[in-house]
Amino acid sequence: MARRAGIRATDIKTTLAALKESGLTPCALDTLPDGGMRWHFVPQKASEEDEIDREIKENEARWSKSS
């Protein structure tokens, strides 16, 4: 079985410096199962709810109407 490539702190710092030098400012970094990196450049909206929170609010509204 092949070993997964490791990510070193120096790899992240070097990549981050290159991105910033190019005018890009990443918001987050995901490490992938294969050892790769995925950079995110668009921040998640603070007001953005996840699907579960939305469903809970909808159900609470529905339950309060039926009582």
Protein backbone atom coordinates (compact mmCIF):
# COMPACT_ATOMS: atom_id res chain seq x y z
CA MET A 1 0.00 0.00 0.00
CA ALA A 2 1.37 3.41 -0.95
CA ARG A 3 2.03 5.97 1.74
CA ARG A 4 0.09 9.17 1.76
CA ALA A 5 2.10 12.29 1.06
CA GLY A 6 2.65 14.38 4.17
CA ILE A 7 2.16 18.12 4.40
CA ARG A 8 4.87 19.96 6.27
CA ALA A 9 4.45 23.36 7.89
CA THR A 10 7.06 24.72 5.49
CA ASP A 11 4.93 23.56 2.53
CA ILE A 12 1.99 25.56 3.84
CA LYS A 13 4.07 28.66 4.61
CA THR A 14 5.73 28.59 1.18
CA THR A 15 2.43 28.16 -0.64
CA LEU A 16 0.76 30.87 1.45
CA ALA A 17 3.60 33.29 0.72
CA ALA A 18 3.35 32.58 -3.02
CA LEU A 19 -0.43 33.09 -2.99
CA LYS A 20 -0.16 36.40 -1.12
CA GLU A 21 2.61 37.55 -3.47
CA SER A 22 0.22 36.89 -6.36
CA GLY A 23 -2.47 39.02 -4.69
CA LEU A 24 -4.59 36.14 -3.41
CA THR A 25 -5.60 35.89 0.23
CA PRO A 26 -6.92 32.46 1.22
CA CYS A 27 -9.54 32.12 3.97
CA ALA A 28 -9.22 28.42 4.75
CA LEU A 29 -7.21 25.32 3.96
CA ASP A 30 -8.47 21.75 3.70
CA THR A 31 -6.13 18.78 3.78
CA LEU A 32 -7.27 16.04 1.45
CA PRO A 33 -7.08 12.29 2.11
CA ASP A 34 -4.45 11.90 -0.60
CA GLY A 35 -2.18 14.41 1.16
CA GLY A 36 -3.03 17.37 -1.06
CA MET A 37 -4.18 20.83 -0.07
CA ARG A 38 -7.34 22.71 -1.08
CA TRP A 39 -7.33 26.47 -0.52
CA HIS A 40 -10.56 28.48 -0.16
CA PHE A 41 -10.58 32.11 -1.23
CA VAL A 42 -14.21 33.14 -0.63
CA PRO A 43 -15.19 33.58 3.01
CA GLN A 44 -18.37 31.94 4.24
CA LYS A 45 -21.07 34.49 5.01
CA ALA A 46 -21.54 35.02 8.73
CA SER A 47 -25.32 35.01 8.34
CA GLU A 48 -25.34 31.81 6.31
CA GLU A 49 -27.16 29.02 8.15
CA ASP A 50 -26.66 25.37 7.59
CA GLU A 51 -29.53 23.23 6.38
CA ILE A 52 -30.27 21.68 9.77
CA ASP A 53 -30.66 25.08 11.48
CA ARG A 54 -33.04 26.18 8.74
CA GLU A 55 -35.15 23.02 9.08
CA ILE A 56 -35.35 23.41 12.87
CA LYS A 57 -36.63 26.98 12.52
CA GLU A 58 -39.21 25.90 9.93
CA ASN A 59 -40.46 23.08 12.17
CA GLU A 60 -40.63 25.35 15.24
CA ALA A 61 -42.70 27.86 13.26
CA ARG A 62 -45.01 25.08 12.05
CA TRP A 63 -45.42 23.62 15.56
CA SER A 64 -46.18 27.00 17.14
CA LYS A 65 -48.95 27.60 14.56
CA SER A 66 -50.60 24.25 15.29
CA SER A 67 -50.77 24.80 19.08
